[in-house]
Amino acid sequence: MKFAEEFSVPGTEELKSLEVWGNVNALILQAGRTTHVAPAHMSEEEKEEYLAKMAEEDKTEERFRGVNEHTPMPGMEISWLSKVVGDT
């Protein structure tokens, strides 16, 4: 049971905070990928320009950030809600 000794599940009070929750998967861009990819037929200079343009138009986000840092949907105040139901 060495794993149980090294790893402990946080308590209910700690898990209620949105700061302790984060992303597992990377953000999906408008193109349907997680990273920008330049077409193969471009020269190195054209690829750099293309990737810079795409990075400006379809910005990526830091993968490992708290869910409390997410941008809410239009008309909403927050992106995520933490709620405890049942026994704590």
N, C-alpha and C. Protein backbone atom coordinates (compact mmCIF):
# COMPACT_ATOMS: atom_id res chain seq x y z
N MET A 1 0.82 -1.20 0.00
CA MET A 1 0.00 0.00 0.00
C MET A 1 0.86 1.26 0.00
N LYS A 2 2.01 1.22 -0.63
CA LYS A 2 2.86 2.39 -0.68
C LYS A 2 2.16 3.55 -1.39
N PHE A 3 1.37 3.24 -2.45
CA PHE A 3 0.64 4.27 -3.18
C PHE A 3 -0.29 5.03 -2.25
N ALA A 4 -1.02 4.34 -1.40
CA ALA A 4 -1.96 4.98 -0.48
C ALA A 4 -1.23 5.90 0.49
N GLU A 5 -0.01 5.56 0.85
CA GLU A 5 0.76 6.39 1.77
C GLU A 5 1.23 7.68 1.09
N GLU A 6 1.55 7.62 -0.19
CA GLU A 6 2.08 8.77 -0.91
C GLU A 6 0.99 9.66 -1.51
N PHE A 7 -0.19 9.11 -1.74
CA PHE A 7 -1.25 9.85 -2.39
C PHE A 7 -2.46 9.91 -1.48
N SER A 8 -2.96 11.10 -1.27
CA SER A 8 -4.18 11.22 -0.48
C SER A 8 -5.15 12.12 -1.23
N VAL A 9 -6.42 11.78 -1.18
CA VAL A 9 -7.46 12.54 -1.85
C VAL A 9 -7.76 13.77 -0.99
N PRO A 10 -7.82 14.95 -1.62
CA PRO A 10 -8.14 16.15 -0.84
C PRO A 10 -9.54 16.04 -0.23
N GLY A 11 -9.76 16.78 0.83
CA GLY A 11 -11.05 16.77 1.49
C GLY A 11 -12.09 17.59 0.74
N THR A 12 -13.33 17.46 1.17
CA THR A 12 -14.46 18.14 0.52
C THR A 12 -14.27 19.64 0.49
N GLU A 13 -13.85 20.22 1.58
CA GLU A 13 -13.68 21.68 1.65
C GLU A 13 -12.67 22.17 0.63
N GLU A 14 -11.57 21.43 0.49
CA GLU A 14 -10.54 21.82 -0.48
C GLU A 14 -11.06 21.66 -1.92
N LEU A 15 -11.82 20.61 -2.19
CA LEU A 15 -12.31 20.34 -3.54
C LEU A 15 -13.43 21.29 -3.96
N LYS A 16 -14.04 22.01 -3.02
CA LYS A 16 -15.07 22.98 -3.38
C LYS A 16 -14.49 24.18 -4.11
N SER A 17 -13.21 24.44 -3.94
CA SER A 17 -12.55 25.58 -4.56
C SER A 17 -12.23 25.28 -6.02
N LEU A 18 -12.59 26.19 -6.92
CA LEU A 18 -12.31 26.00 -8.34
C LEU A 18 -10.82 26.08 -8.67
N GLU A 19 -10.03 26.66 -7.77
CA GLU A 19 -8.59 26.79 -8.02
C GLU A 19 -7.89 25.43 -8.04
N VAL A 20 -8.46 24.41 -7.40
CA VAL A 20 -7.80 23.10 -7.35
C VAL A 20 -8.12 22.23 -8.55
N TRP A 21 -9.07 22.64 -9.38
CA TRP A 21 -9.45 21.88 -10.56
C TRP A 21 -8.76 22.46 -11.78
N GLY A 22 -8.37 21.60 -12.71
CA GLY A 22 -7.68 22.07 -13.92
C GLY A 22 -8.07 21.25 -15.13
N ASN A 23 -7.43 21.57 -16.24
CA ASN A 23 -7.68 20.91 -17.51
C ASN A 23 -6.83 19.66 -17.65
N VAL A 24 -7.37 18.65 -18.27
CA VAL A 24 -6.59 17.46 -18.62
C VAL A 24 -6.21 17.53 -20.09
N ASN A 25 -7.14 17.91 -20.92
CA ASN A 25 -6.91 17.96 -22.37
C ASN A 25 -6.59 19.38 -22.81
N ALA A 26 -5.88 19.48 -23.90
CA ALA A 26 -5.53 20.78 -24.47
C ALA A 26 -6.76 21.42 -25.11
N LEU A 27 -6.73 22.73 -25.23
CA LEU A 27 -7.80 23.48 -25.87
C LEU A 27 -7.90 23.10 -27.35
N ILE A 28 -9.10 22.90 -27.84
CA ILE A 28 -9.31 22.59 -29.26
C ILE A 28 -9.50 23.91 -30.01
N LEU A 29 -8.67 24.13 -31.01
CA LEU A 29 -8.71 25.35 -31.79
C LEU A 29 -9.88 25.34 -32.77
N GLN A 30 -10.14 26.46 -33.40
CA GLN A 30 -11.23 26.56 -34.37
C GLN A 30 -11.03 25.60 -35.54
N ALA A 31 -9.80 25.26 -35.84
CA ALA A 31 -9.49 24.35 -36.95
C ALA A 31 -9.72 22.89 -36.55
N GLY A 32 -10.06 22.64 -35.27
CA GLY A 32 -10.32 21.28 -34.82
C GLY A 32 -9.09 20.55 -34.33
N ARG A 33 -7.96 21.23 -34.23
CA ARG A 33 -6.72 20.63 -33.73
C ARG A 33 -6.34 21.29 -32.41
N THR A 34 -5.31 20.78 -31.76
CA THR A 34 -4.82 21.39 -30.53
C THR A 34 -3.58 22.25 -30.76
N THR A 35 -3.01 22.17 -31.96
CA THR A 35 -1.87 23.02 -32.33
C THR A 35 -2.07 23.50 -33.76
N HIS A 36 -1.42 24.59 -34.10
CA HIS A 36 -1.47 25.09 -35.48
C HIS A 36 -0.43 24.35 -36.31
N VAL A 37 -0.80 24.01 -37.53
CA VAL A 37 0.10 23.29 -38.45
C VAL A 37 0.09 24.02 -39.78
N ALA A 38 1.27 24.33 -40.27
CA ALA A 38 1.39 25.00 -41.57
C ALA A 38 1.33 23.96 -42.68
N PRO A 39 0.77 24.31 -43.84
CA PRO A 39 0.75 23.39 -44.97
C PRO A 39 2.17 23.00 -45.38
N ALA A 40 2.34 21.79 -45.84
CA ALA A 40 3.66 21.24 -46.15
C ALA A 40 4.34 21.94 -47.32
N HIS A 41 3.61 22.50 -48.25
CA HIS A 41 4.21 23.06 -49.46
C HIS A 41 4.84 24.44 -49.24
N MET A 42 4.74 25.01 -48.08
CA MET A 42 5.27 26.36 -47.81
C MET A 42 6.75 26.34 -47.49
N SER A 43 7.41 27.45 -47.80
CA SER A 43 8.82 27.59 -47.42
C SER A 43 8.88 27.88 -45.92
N GLU A 44 10.07 27.82 -45.34
CA GLU A 44 10.23 28.07 -43.90
C GLU A 44 9.73 29.46 -43.51
N GLU A 45 10.05 30.46 -44.32
CA GLU A 45 9.63 31.83 -44.04
C GLU A 45 8.10 31.96 -44.10
N GLU A 46 7.51 31.34 -45.13
CA GLU A 46 6.05 31.37 -45.27
C GLU A 46 5.38 30.64 -44.10
N LYS A 47 5.99 29.53 -43.67
CA LYS A 47 5.44 28.78 -42.54
C LYS A 47 5.43 29.63 -41.28
N GLU A 48 6.54 30.34 -41.03
CA GLU A 48 6.63 31.20 -39.84
C GLU A 48 5.56 32.29 -39.88
N GLU A 49 5.39 32.92 -41.04
CA GLU A 49 4.37 33.96 -41.19
C GLU A 49 2.97 33.39 -40.99
N TYR A 50 2.72 32.23 -41.58
CA TYR A 50 1.41 31.58 -41.46
C TYR A 50 1.10 31.23 -40.00
N LEU A 51 2.08 30.62 -39.33
CA LEU A 51 1.86 30.23 -37.93
C LEU A 51 1.67 31.44 -37.03
N ALA A 52 2.40 32.54 -37.30
CA ALA A 52 2.22 33.76 -36.52
C ALA A 52 0.82 34.34 -36.74
N LYS A 53 0.36 34.31 -37.98
CA LYS A 53 -0.99 34.81 -38.30
C LYS A 53 -2.05 33.95 -37.61
N MET A 54 -1.89 32.63 -37.68
CA MET A 54 -2.86 31.73 -37.04
C MET A 54 -2.85 31.89 -35.52
N ALA A 55 -1.67 32.09 -34.94
CA ALA A 55 -1.58 32.28 -33.49
C ALA A 55 -2.31 33.54 -33.05
N GLU A 56 -2.33 34.55 -33.91
CA GLU A 56 -3.04 35.79 -33.59
C GLU A 56 -4.55 35.64 -33.78
N GLU A 57 -4.95 34.97 -34.86
CA GLU A 57 -6.37 34.83 -35.18
C GLU A 57 -7.08 33.80 -34.31
N ASP A 58 -6.41 32.71 -33.98
CA ASP A 58 -6.99 31.61 -33.21
C ASP A 58 -6.04 31.28 -32.06
N LYS A 59 -6.12 32.09 -31.02
CA LYS A 59 -5.17 32.00 -29.91
C LYS A 59 -5.34 30.71 -29.11
N THR A 60 -4.21 30.17 -28.68
CA THR A 60 -4.23 29.01 -27.80
C THR A 60 -4.21 29.49 -26.36
N GLU A 61 -4.53 28.61 -25.46
CA GLU A 61 -4.53 28.91 -24.04
C GLU A 61 -3.56 27.98 -23.34
N GLU A 62 -3.06 28.41 -22.20
CA GLU A 62 -2.20 27.56 -21.38
C GLU A 62 -2.99 26.31 -21.02
N ARG A 63 -2.42 25.15 -21.26
CA ARG A 63 -3.13 23.90 -21.00
C ARG A 63 -3.37 23.69 -19.52
N PHE A 64 -2.38 23.88 -18.70
CA PHE A 64 -2.50 23.60 -17.28
C PHE A 64 -2.81 24.88 -16.52
N ARG A 65 -4.08 25.26 -16.54
CA ARG A 65 -4.54 26.42 -15.80
C ARG A 65 -5.79 26.02 -15.04
N GLY A 66 -6.10 26.75 -13.99
CA GLY A 66 -7.27 26.44 -13.20
C GLY A 66 -8.55 26.73 -13.95
N VAL A 67 -9.60 25.97 -13.66
CA VAL A 67 -10.87 26.21 -14.34
C VAL A 67 -11.46 27.56 -13.94
N ASN A 68 -11.02 28.12 -12.82
CA ASN A 68 -11.48 29.45 -12.42
C ASN A 68 -10.94 30.54 -13.35
N GLU A 69 -9.95 30.23 -14.18
CA GLU A 69 -9.37 31.18 -15.12
C GLU A 69 -10.03 31.14 -16.50
N HIS A 70 -10.97 30.23 -16.72
CA HIS A 70 -11.63 30.13 -18.02
C HIS A 70 -12.50 31.34 -18.28
N THR A 71 -12.62 31.70 -19.55
CA THR A 71 -13.47 32.81 -19.96
C THR A 71 -14.91 32.31 -20.01
N PRO A 72 -15.84 33.00 -19.34
CA PRO A 72 -17.24 32.55 -19.36
C PRO A 72 -17.87 32.70 -20.74
N MET A 73 -18.91 31.93 -20.99
CA MET A 73 -19.69 32.05 -22.21
C MET A 73 -20.38 33.41 -22.20
N PRO A 74 -20.65 33.99 -23.35
CA PRO A 74 -21.35 35.28 -23.39
C PRO A 74 -22.67 35.22 -22.61
N GLY A 75 -22.88 36.21 -21.77
CA GLY A 75 -24.09 36.28 -20.96
C GLY A 75 -23.98 35.57 -19.62
N MET A 76 -22.88 34.88 -19.38
CA MET A 76 -22.69 34.17 -18.12
C MET A 76 -21.65 34.91 -17.27
N GLU A 77 -21.76 34.78 -15.97
CA GLU A 77 -20.82 35.44 -15.06
C GLU A 77 -19.58 34.58 -14.81
N ILE A 78 -19.77 33.26 -14.74
CA ILE A 78 -18.66 32.35 -14.46
C ILE A 78 -18.70 31.18 -15.44
N SER A 79 -17.56 30.50 -15.57
CA SER A 79 -17.46 29.37 -16.49
C SER A 79 -17.82 28.05 -15.82
N TRP A 80 -17.49 27.93 -14.56
CA TRP A 80 -17.69 26.68 -13.83
C TRP A 80 -18.36 26.97 -12.50
N LEU A 81 -19.03 25.96 -11.97
CA LEU A 81 -19.71 26.06 -10.69
C LEU A 81 -19.29 24.87 -9.85
N SER A 82 -18.97 25.12 -8.59
CA SER A 82 -18.63 24.05 -7.66
C SER A 82 -19.80 23.89 -6.70
N LYS A 83 -20.26 22.63 -6.57
CA LYS A 83 -21.42 22.38 -5.73
C LYS A 83 -21.22 21.06 -5.01
N VAL A 84 -21.51 21.05 -3.72
CA VAL A 84 -21.41 19.83 -2.93
C VAL A 84 -22.82 19.33 -2.67
N VAL A 85 -23.06 18.07 -2.97
CA VAL A 85 -24.36 17.44 -2.77
C VAL A 85 -24.17 16.18 -1.96
N GLY A 86 -25.01 15.97 -0.97
CA GLY A 86 -24.94 14.73 -0.19
C GLY A 86 -23.94 14.85 0.95
N ASP A 87 -23.50 13.71 1.44
CA ASP A 87 -22.58 13.65 2.57
C ASP A 87 -21.23 14.25 2.19
N THR A 88 -20.62 14.94 3.12
CA THR A 88 -19.29 15.51 2.88
C THR A 88 -18.25 14.59 3.51
